[in-house]
Amino acid sequence: PSHCPSDGDAVWQSAMSSADGTVAGFNPRNLFQVVADEDVKKLGIGFSNLPPGHIEVKTVAPGGFGQAKEVFPGDLLIKAQGKDLNDVSADEFRDMLANQRPL
């Protein structure tokens, strides 16, 4: 993945596990961006929760967009469309997924 997030793209934090198996806290060095262009109809990513709040990846479909972009279960989606997901409603996020590209 690209490691220079810009304002309009989705920004993710990779899941970096510590020695005891817990996910490490926020670290800007773990950030990466993934852009779903207009031709991407499905992300192939299942989430464990919806905003408000950062969203944890639960599943990644084999052979799908998410796998091709090296998104893994445990990764966190922290921004989409330049907005921190702490400040986005579940309905607004659903609209982003369904109707907004690039995402």
Foldseek 3Di string as FASTA:
>chain_A
DALDDDQQFWKKFAFDADPVGHGDDDDSNRIDTDWDAPVQQAQQWDWPDADPPKIFTQDHHPPGNCVVVPHDGGMITQDHRNHGSVPDDRVRVVCCNHPDPRD
